[in-house]
Amino acid sequence: MVHRWASEAESGFEGLQVEPFEGRPWDDIETEPLEPHTIRVSATVWRLIEQDASRQGITVSAWTRQALTREVTQTLKAS
């Protein structure tokens, strides 16, 4: 599979049409720089997070951001 991808890349991806665009694709999304923060969880909880992140095809960091955002959003809506 890797050899096929390398061959396609070397041949310039024949037949592929790329539509150029201006700007960055995420310009419409409000973003902030990410900062590292440390949390403490049990090994069991960490393994569950890793398993679910893997199932969803995302990183543990992305899983954690989603979970924290979902929780704080629900909490704020309830107040």
PDB file of N, CA and C in Angstrom:
ATOM      1  N   MET A   1       0.833  -1.180   0.000  1.00  0.00           N
ATOM      2  CA  MET A   1       0.000   0.000   0.000  1.00  0.00           C
ATOM      3  C   MET A   1       0.887   1.256   0.000  1.00  0.00           C
ATOM      4  N   VAL A   2       1.930   1.243   0.825  1.00  0.00           N
ATOM      5  CA  VAL A   2       2.828   2.395   0.901  1.00  0.00           C
ATOM      6  C   VAL A   2       3.526   2.595  -0.435  1.00  0.00           C
ATOM      7  N   HIS A   3       3.925   1.492  -1.062  1.00  0.00           N
ATOM      8  CA  HIS A   3       4.593   1.599  -2.363  1.00  0.00           C
ATOM      9  C   HIS A   3       3.655   2.212  -3.404  1.00  0.00           C
ATOM     10  N   ARG A   4       2.376   1.834  -3.346  1.00  0.00           N
ATOM     11  CA  ARG A   4       1.395   2.403  -4.279  1.00  0.00           C
ATOM     12  C   ARG A   4       1.249   3.905  -4.046  1.00  0.00           C
ATOM     13  N   TRP A   5       1.156   4.307  -2.774  1.00  0.00           N
ATOM     14  CA  TRP A   5       1.034   5.733  -2.467  1.00  0.00           C
ATOM     15  C   TRP A   5       2.267   6.491  -2.931  1.00  0.00           C
ATOM     16  N   ALA A   6       3.434   5.910  -2.718  1.00  0.00           N
ATOM     17  CA  ALA A   6       4.673   6.564  -3.152  1.00  0.00           C
ATOM     18  C   ALA A   6       4.689   6.703  -4.672  1.00  0.00           C
ATOM     19  N   SER A   7       4.260   5.668  -5.355  1.00  0.00           N
ATOM     20  CA  SER A   7       4.210   5.707  -6.818  1.00  0.00           C
ATOM     21  C   SER A   7       3.242   6.787  -7.298  1.00  0.00           C
ATOM     22  N   GLU A   8       2.068   6.860  -6.655  1.00  0.00           N
ATOM     23  CA  GLU A   8       1.095   7.891  -7.029  1.00  0.00           C
ATOM     24  C   GLU A   8       1.661   9.291  -6.788  1.00  0.00           C
ATOM     25  N   ALA A   9       2.358   9.466  -5.672  1.00  0.00           N
ATOM     26  CA  ALA A   9       2.941  10.771  -5.360  1.00  0.00           C
ATOM     27  C   ALA A   9       4.015  11.135  -6.379  1.00  0.00           C
ATOM     28  N   GLU A  10       4.836  10.164  -6.727  1.00  0.00           N
ATOM     29  CA  GLU A  10       5.911  10.425  -7.684  1.00  0.00           C
ATOM     30  C   GLU A  10       5.370  10.729  -9.079  1.00  0.00           C
ATOM     31  N   SER A  11       4.204  10.174  -9.418  1.00  0.00           N
ATOM     32  CA  SER A  11       3.634  10.430 -10.746  1.00  0.00           C
ATOM     33  C   SER A  11       2.763  11.681 -10.760  1.00  0.00           C
ATOM     34  N   GLY A  12       2.695  12.371  -9.630  1.00  0.00           N
ATOM     35  CA  GLY A  12       1.937  13.618  -9.588  1.00  0.00           C
ATOM     36  C   GLY A  12       0.452  13.424  -9.386  1.00  0.00           C
ATOM     37  N   PHE A  13       0.049  12.266  -8.861  1.00  0.00           N
ATOM     38  CA  PHE A  13      -1.363  11.974  -8.596  1.00  0.00           C
ATOM     39  C   PHE A  13      -2.202  12.186  -9.853  1.00  0.00           C
ATOM     40  N   GLU A  14      -1.886  11.461 -10.914  1.00  0.00           N
ATOM     41  CA  GLU A  14      -2.600  11.582 -12.190  1.00  0.00           C
ATOM     42  C   GLU A  14      -4.101  11.506 -12.000  1.00  0.00           C
ATOM     43  N   GLY A  15      -4.828  12.381 -12.674  1.00  0.00           N
ATOM     44  CA  GLY A  15      -6.279  12.384 -12.633  1.00  0.00           C
ATOM     45  C   GLY A  15      -6.859  13.099 -11.430  1.00  0.00           C
ATOM     46  N   LEU A  16      -6.016  13.480 -10.488  1.00  0.00           N
ATOM     47  CA  LEU A  16      -6.504  14.176  -9.298  1.00  0.00           C
ATOM     48  C   LEU A  16      -6.702  15.646  -9.612  1.00  0.00           C
ATOM     49  N   GLN A  17      -7.867  16.158  -9.271  1.00  0.00           N
ATOM     50  CA  GLN A  17      -8.138  17.577  -9.469  1.00  0.00           C
ATOM     51  C   GLN A  17      -8.186  18.259  -8.121  1.00  0.00           C
ATOM     52  N   VAL A  18      -7.370  19.266  -7.967  1.00  0.00           N
ATOM     53  CA  VAL A  18      -7.320  20.009  -6.714  1.00  0.00           C
ATOM     54  C   VAL A  18      -7.885  21.390  -6.955  1.00  0.00           C
ATOM     55  N   GLU A  19      -8.847  21.774  -6.123  1.00  0.00           N
ATOM     56  CA  GLU A  19      -9.431  23.099  -6.247  1.00  0.00           C
ATOM     57  C   GLU A  19      -8.699  24.050  -5.305  1.00  0.00           C
ATOM     58  N   PRO A  20      -8.011  25.036  -5.872  1.00  0.00           N
ATOM     59  CA  PRO A  20      -7.292  25.986  -5.020  1.00  0.00           C
ATOM     60  C   PRO A  20      -8.266  26.872  -4.245  1.00  0.00           C
ATOM     61  N   PHE A  21      -7.830  27.316  -3.079  1.00  0.00           N
ATOM     62  CA  PHE A  21      -8.633  28.238  -2.279  1.00  0.00           C
ATOM     63  C   PHE A  21      -7.689  29.232  -1.628  1.00  0.00           C
ATOM     64  N   GLU A  22      -8.242  30.355  -1.248  1.00  0.00           N
ATOM     65  CA  GLU A  22      -7.448  31.382  -0.594  1.00  0.00           C
ATOM     66  C   GLU A  22      -7.673  31.315   0.905  1.00  0.00           C
ATOM     67  N   GLY A  23      -6.689  31.745   1.654  1.00  0.00           N
ATOM     68  CA  GLY A  23      -6.816  31.765   3.102  1.00  0.00           C
ATOM     69  C   GLY A  23      -6.594  30.402   3.712  1.00  0.00           C
ATOM     70  N   ARG A  24      -6.929  30.292   4.979  1.00  0.00           N
ATOM     71  CA  ARG A  24      -6.790  29.021   5.687  1.00  0.00           C
ATOM     72  C   ARG A  24      -8.163  28.386   5.831  1.00  0.00           C
ATOM     73  N   PRO A  25      -8.240  27.065   5.749  1.00  0.00           N
ATOM     74  CA  PRO A  25      -9.543  26.412   5.823  1.00  0.00           C
ATOM     75  C   PRO A  25     -10.229  26.594   7.174  1.00  0.00           C
ATOM     76  N   TRP A  26      -9.491  26.939   8.188  1.00  0.00           N
ATOM     77  CA  TRP A  26     -10.091  27.075   9.521  1.00  0.00           C
ATOM     78  C   TRP A  26     -10.362  28.526   9.900  1.00  0.00           C
ATOM     79  N   ASP A  27     -10.269  29.471   8.960  1.00  0.00           N
ATOM     80  CA  ASP A  27     -10.490  30.884   9.266  1.00  0.00           C
ATOM     81  C   ASP A  27     -11.876  31.175   9.826  1.00  0.00           C
ATOM     82  N   ASP A  28     -12.866  30.357   9.447  1.00  0.00           N
ATOM     83  CA  ASP A  28     -14.226  30.595   9.923  1.00  0.00           C
ATOM     84  C   ASP A  28     -14.453  30.069  11.343  1.00  0.00           C
ATOM     85  N   ILE A  29     -13.471  29.368  11.874  1.00  0.00           N
ATOM     86  CA  ILE A  29     -13.601  28.765  13.196  1.00  0.00           C
ATOM     87  C   ILE A  29     -12.784  29.580  14.193  1.00  0.00           C
ATOM     88  N   GLU A  30     -13.428  29.937  15.313  1.00  0.00           N
ATOM     89  CA  GLU A  30     -12.703  30.670  16.348  1.00  0.00           C
ATOM     90  C   GLU A  30     -11.725  29.702  17.016  1.00  0.00           C
ATOM     91  N   THR A  31     -10.459  30.059  17.000  1.00  0.00           N
ATOM     92  CA  THR A  31      -9.445  29.200  17.602  1.00  0.00           C
ATOM     93  C   THR A  31      -8.606  29.991  18.584  1.00  0.00           C
ATOM     94  N   GLU A  32      -8.112  29.318  19.541  1.00  0.00           N
ATOM     95  CA  GLU A  32      -7.191  29.896  20.508  1.00  0.00           C
ATOM     96  C   GLU A  32      -5.975  28.990  20.566  1.00  0.00           C
ATOM     97  N   PRO A  33      -4.825  29.547  20.953  1.00  0.00           N
ATOM     98  CA  PRO A  33      -3.663  28.674  21.134  1.00  0.00           C
ATOM     99  C   PRO A  33      -3.948  27.671  22.260  1.00  0.00           C
ATOM    100  N   LEU A  34      -3.453  26.464  22.108  1.00  0.00           N
ATOM    101  CA  LEU A  34      -3.634  25.450  23.133  1.00  0.00           C
ATOM    102  C   LEU A  34      -2.488  25.534  24.129  1.00  0.00           C
ATOM    103  N   GLU A  35      -2.797  25.304  25.389  1.00  0.00           N
ATOM    104  CA  GLU A  35      -1.798  25.319  26.456  1.00  0.00           C
ATOM    105  C   GLU A  35      -1.808  23.970  27.151  1.00  0.00           C
ATOM    106  N   PRO A  36      -0.647  23.475  27.541  1.00  0.00           N
ATOM    107  CA  PRO A  36      -0.626  22.205  28.276  1.00  0.00           C
ATOM    108  C   PRO A  36      -1.082  22.400  29.717  1.00  0.00           C
ATOM    109  N   HIS A  37      -1.881  21.467  30.209  1.00  0.00           N
ATOM    110  CA  HIS A  37      -2.327  21.447  31.604  1.00  0.00           C
ATOM    111  C   HIS A  37      -2.289  19.999  32.074  1.00  0.00           C
ATOM    112  N   THR A  38      -2.012  19.810  33.327  1.00  0.00           N
ATOM    113  CA  THR A  38      -1.896  18.463  33.873  1.00  0.00           C
ATOM    114  C   THR A  38      -3.113  18.129  34.712  1.00  0.00           C
ATOM    115  N   ILE A  39      -3.647  16.920  34.522  1.00  0.00           N
ATOM    116  CA  ILE A  39      -4.727  16.425  35.365  1.00  0.00           C
ATOM    117  C   ILE A  39      -4.311  15.055  35.893  1.00  0.00           C
ATOM    118  N   ARG A  40      -4.900  14.658  36.991  1.00  0.00           N
ATOM    119  CA  ARG A  40      -4.602  13.342  37.570  1.00  0.00           C
ATOM    120  C   ARG A  40      -5.835  12.460  37.434  1.00  0.00           C
ATOM    121  N   VAL A  41      -5.633  11.280  36.855  1.00  0.00           N
ATOM    122  CA  VAL A  41      -6.693  10.285  36.728  1.00  0.00           C
ATOM    123  C   VAL A  41      -6.101   8.921  37.053  1.00  0.00           C
ATOM    124  N   SER A  42      -6.959   7.998  37.423  1.00  0.00           N
ATOM    125  CA  SER A  42      -6.486   6.639  37.710  1.00  0.00           C
ATOM    126  C   SER A  42      -6.054   5.961  36.411  1.00  0.00           C
ATOM    127  N   ALA A  43      -5.256   4.918  36.559  1.00  0.00           N
ATOM    128  CA  ALA A  43      -4.806   4.161  35.381  1.00  0.00           C
ATOM    129  C   ALA A  43      -5.998   3.551  34.656  1.00  0.00           C
ATOM    130  N   THR A  44      -7.006   3.135  35.404  1.00  0.00           N
ATOM    131  CA  THR A  44      -8.196   2.541  34.794  1.00  0.00           C
ATOM    132  C   THR A  44      -8.931   3.554  33.933  1.00  0.00           C
ATOM    133  N   VAL A  45      -9.136   4.753  34.464  1.00  0.00           N
ATOM    134  CA  VAL A  45      -9.810   5.808  33.697  1.00  0.00           C
ATOM    135  C   VAL A  45      -8.981   6.167  32.469  1.00  0.00           C
ATOM    136  N   TRP A  46      -7.669   6.262  32.633  1.00  0.00           N
ATOM    137  CA  TRP A  46      -6.791   6.603  31.499  1.00  0.00           C
ATOM    138  C   TRP A  46      -6.916   5.564  30.391  1.00  0.00           C
ATOM    139  N   ARG A  47      -6.926   4.277  30.761  1.00  0.00           N
ATOM    140  CA  ARG A  47      -7.064   3.220  29.743  1.00  0.00           C
ATOM    141  C   ARG A  47      -8.407   3.319  29.039  1.00  0.00           C
ATOM    142  N   LEU A  48      -9.467   3.630  29.782  1.00  0.00           N
ATOM    143  CA  LEU A  48     -10.782   3.789  29.159  1.00  0.00           C
ATOM    144  C   LEU A  48     -10.786   4.956  28.177  1.00  0.00           C
ATOM    145  N   ILE A  49     -10.134   6.049  28.557  1.00  0.00           N
ATOM    146  CA  ILE A  49     -10.038   7.214  27.663  1.00  0.00           C
ATOM    147  C   ILE A  49      -9.260   6.836  26.406  1.00  0.00           C
ATOM    148  N   GLU A  50      -8.130   6.152  26.584  1.00  0.00           N
ATOM    149  CA  GLU A  50      -7.318   5.737  25.428  1.00  0.00           C
ATOM    150  C   GLU A  50      -8.127   4.831  24.495  1.00  0.00           C
ATOM    151  N   GLN A  51      -8.870   3.893  25.077  1.00  0.00           N
ATOM    152  CA  GLN A  51      -9.662   2.971  24.263  1.00  0.00           C
ATOM    153  C   GLN A  51     -10.741   3.711  23.477  1.00  0.00           C
ATOM    154  N   ASP A  52     -11.437   4.627  24.145  1.00  0.00           N
ATOM    155  CA  ASP A  52     -12.508   5.342  23.461  1.00  0.00           C
ATOM    156  C   ASP A  52     -11.948   6.295  22.398  1.00  0.00           C
ATOM    157  N   ALA A  53     -10.833   6.949  22.715  1.00  0.00           N
ATOM    158  CA  ALA A  53     -10.198   7.830  21.722  1.00  0.00           C
ATOM    159  C   ALA A  53      -9.783   7.022  20.497  1.00  0.00           C
ATOM    160  N   SER A  54      -9.205   5.857  20.734  1.00  0.00           N
ATOM    161  CA  SER A  54      -8.802   4.989  19.626  1.00  0.00           C
ATOM    162  C   SER A  54     -10.017   4.555  18.807  1.00  0.00           C
ATOM    163  N   ARG A  55     -11.104   4.195  19.489  1.00  0.00           N
ATOM    164  CA  ARG A  55     -12.328   3.785  18.798  1.00  0.00           C
ATOM    165  C   ARG A  55     -12.850   4.903  17.903  1.00  0.00           C
ATOM    166  N   GLN A  56     -12.723   6.155  18.391  1.00  0.00           N
ATOM    167  CA  GLN A  56     -13.207   7.299  17.618  1.00  0.00           C
ATOM    168  C   GLN A  56     -12.189   7.786  16.592  1.00  0.00           C
ATOM    169  N   GLY A  57     -10.972   7.258  16.656  1.00  0.00           N
ATOM    170  CA  GLY A  57      -9.931   7.666  15.713  1.00  0.00           C
ATOM    171  C   GLY A  57      -9.389   9.052  15.987  1.00  0.00           C
ATOM    172  N   ILE A  58      -9.338   9.425  17.279  1.00  0.00           N
ATOM    173  CA  ILE A  58      -8.810  10.735  17.653  1.00  0.00           C
ATOM    174  C   ILE A  58      -7.751  10.554  18.734  1.00  0.00           C
ATOM    175  N   THR A  59      -7.005  11.599  18.998  1.00  0.00           N
ATOM    176  CA  THR A  59      -5.982  11.533  20.032  1.00  0.00           C
ATOM    177  C   THR A  59      -6.627  11.644  21.409  1.00  0.00           C
ATOM    178  N   VAL A  60      -5.884  11.228  22.416  1.00  0.00           N
ATOM    179  CA  VAL A  60      -6.359  11.364  23.792  1.00  0.00           C
ATOM    180  C   VAL A  60      -6.571  12.840  24.118  1.00  0.00           C
ATOM    181  N   SER A  61      -5.690  13.696  23.634  1.00  0.00           N
ATOM    182  CA  SER A  61      -5.844  15.140  23.872  1.00  0.00           C
ATOM    183  C   SER A  61      -7.145  15.653  23.268  1.00  0.00           C
ATOM    184  N   ALA A  62      -7.431  15.260  22.031  1.00  0.00           N
ATOM    185  CA  ALA A  62      -8.671  15.693  21.385  1.00  0.00           C
ATOM    186  C   ALA A  62      -9.880  15.143  22.139  1.00  0.00           C
ATOM    187  N   TRP A  63      -9.805  13.875  22.571  1.00  0.00           N
ATOM    188  CA  TRP A  63     -10.900  13.274  23.334  1.00  0.00           C
ATOM    189  C   TRP A  63     -11.148  14.065  24.611  1.00  0.00           C
ATOM    190  N   THR A  64     -10.059  14.406  25.299  1.00  0.00           N
ATOM    191  CA  THR A  64     -10.165  15.134  26.564  1.00  0.00           C
ATOM    192  C   THR A  64     -10.742  16.528  26.346  1.00  0.00           C
ATOM    193  N   ARG A  65     -10.287  17.222  25.301  1.00  0.00           N
ATOM    194  CA  ARG A  65     -10.837  18.554  25.010  1.00  0.00           C
ATOM    195  C   ARG A  65     -12.330  18.470  24.727  1.00  0.00           C
ATOM    196  N   GLN A  66     -12.739  17.474  23.933  1.00  0.00           N
ATOM    197  CA  GLN A  66     -14.162  17.312  23.624  1.00  0.00           C
ATOM    198  C   GLN A  66     -14.974  17.040  24.885  1.00  0.00           C
ATOM    199  N   ALA A  67     -14.485  16.140  25.735  1.00  0.00           N
ATOM    200  CA  ALA A  67     -15.208  15.787  26.959  1.00  0.00           C
ATOM    201  C   ALA A  67     -15.320  16.981  27.894  1.00  0.00           C
ATOM    202  N   LEU A  68     -14.229  17.720  28.067  1.00  0.00           N
ATOM    203  CA  LEU A  68     -14.250  18.887  28.947  1.00  0.00           C
ATOM    204  C   LEU A  68     -15.166  19.972  28.391  1.00  0.00           C
ATOM    205  N   THR A  69     -15.095  20.208  27.091  1.00  0.00           N
ATOM    206  CA  THR A  69     -15.947  21.225  26.466  1.00  0.00           C
ATOM    207  C   THR A  69     -17.416  20.849  26.592  1.00  0.00           C
ATOM    208  N   ARG A  70     -17.728  19.576  26.336  1.00  0.00           N
ATOM    209  CA  ARG A  70     -19.108  19.105  26.448  1.00  0.00           C
ATOM    210  C   ARG A  70     -19.619  19.281  27.886  1.00  0.00           C
ATOM    211  N   GLU A  71     -18.818  18.920  28.861  1.00  0.00           N
ATOM    212  CA  GLU A  71     -19.234  19.017  30.261  1.00  0.00           C
ATOM    213  C   GLU A  71     -19.445  20.462  30.692  1.00  0.00           C
ATOM    214  N   VAL A  72     -18.506  21.323  30.375  1.00  0.00           N
ATOM    215  CA  VAL A  72     -18.631  22.723  30.821  1.00  0.00           C
ATOM    216  C   VAL A  72     -19.782  23.423  30.081  1.00  0.00           C
ATOM    217  N   THR A  73     -20.013  23.061  28.831  1.00  0.00           N
ATOM    218  CA  THR A  73     -21.125  23.640  28.067  1.00  0.00           C
ATOM    219  C   THR A  73     -22.459  23.218  28.685  1.00  0.00           C
ATOM    220  N   GLN A  74     -22.600  21.933  29.012  1.00  0.00           N
ATOM    221  CA  GLN A  74     -23.842  21.461  29.635  1.00  0.00           C
ATOM    222  C   GLN A  74     -24.054  22.094  30.997  1.00  0.00           C
ATOM    223  N   THR A  75     -22.981  22.231  31.755  1.00  0.00           N
ATOM    224  CA  THR A  75     -23.077  22.826  33.091  1.00  0.00           C
ATOM    225  C   THR A  75     -23.507  24.282  33.001  1.00  0.00           C
ATOM    226  N   LEU A  76     -22.933  25.024  32.047  1.00  0.00           N
ATOM    227  CA  LEU A  76     -23.283  26.440  31.893  1.00  0.00           C
ATOM    228  C   LEU A  76     -24.716  26.601  31.412  1.00  0.00           C
ATOM    229  N   LYS A  77     -25.182  25.712  30.537  1.00  0.00           N
ATOM    230  CA  LYS A  77     -26.564  25.794  30.057  1.00  0.00           C
ATOM    231  C   LYS A  77     -27.557  25.509  31.177  1.00  0.00           C
ATOM    232  N   ALA A  78     -27.161  24.651  32.118  1.00  0.00           N
ATOM    233  CA  ALA A  78     -28.045  24.264  33.207  1.00  0.00           C
ATOM    234  C   ALA A  78     -28.138  25.341  34.288  1.00  0.00           C
ATOM    235  N   SER A  79     -27.162  26.253  34.318  1.00  0.00           N
ATOM    236  CA  SER A  79     -27.177  27.276  35.387  1.00  0.00           C
ATOM    237  C   SER A  79     -28.079  28.426  35.071  1.00  0.00           C
TER     238      SER A  79
END
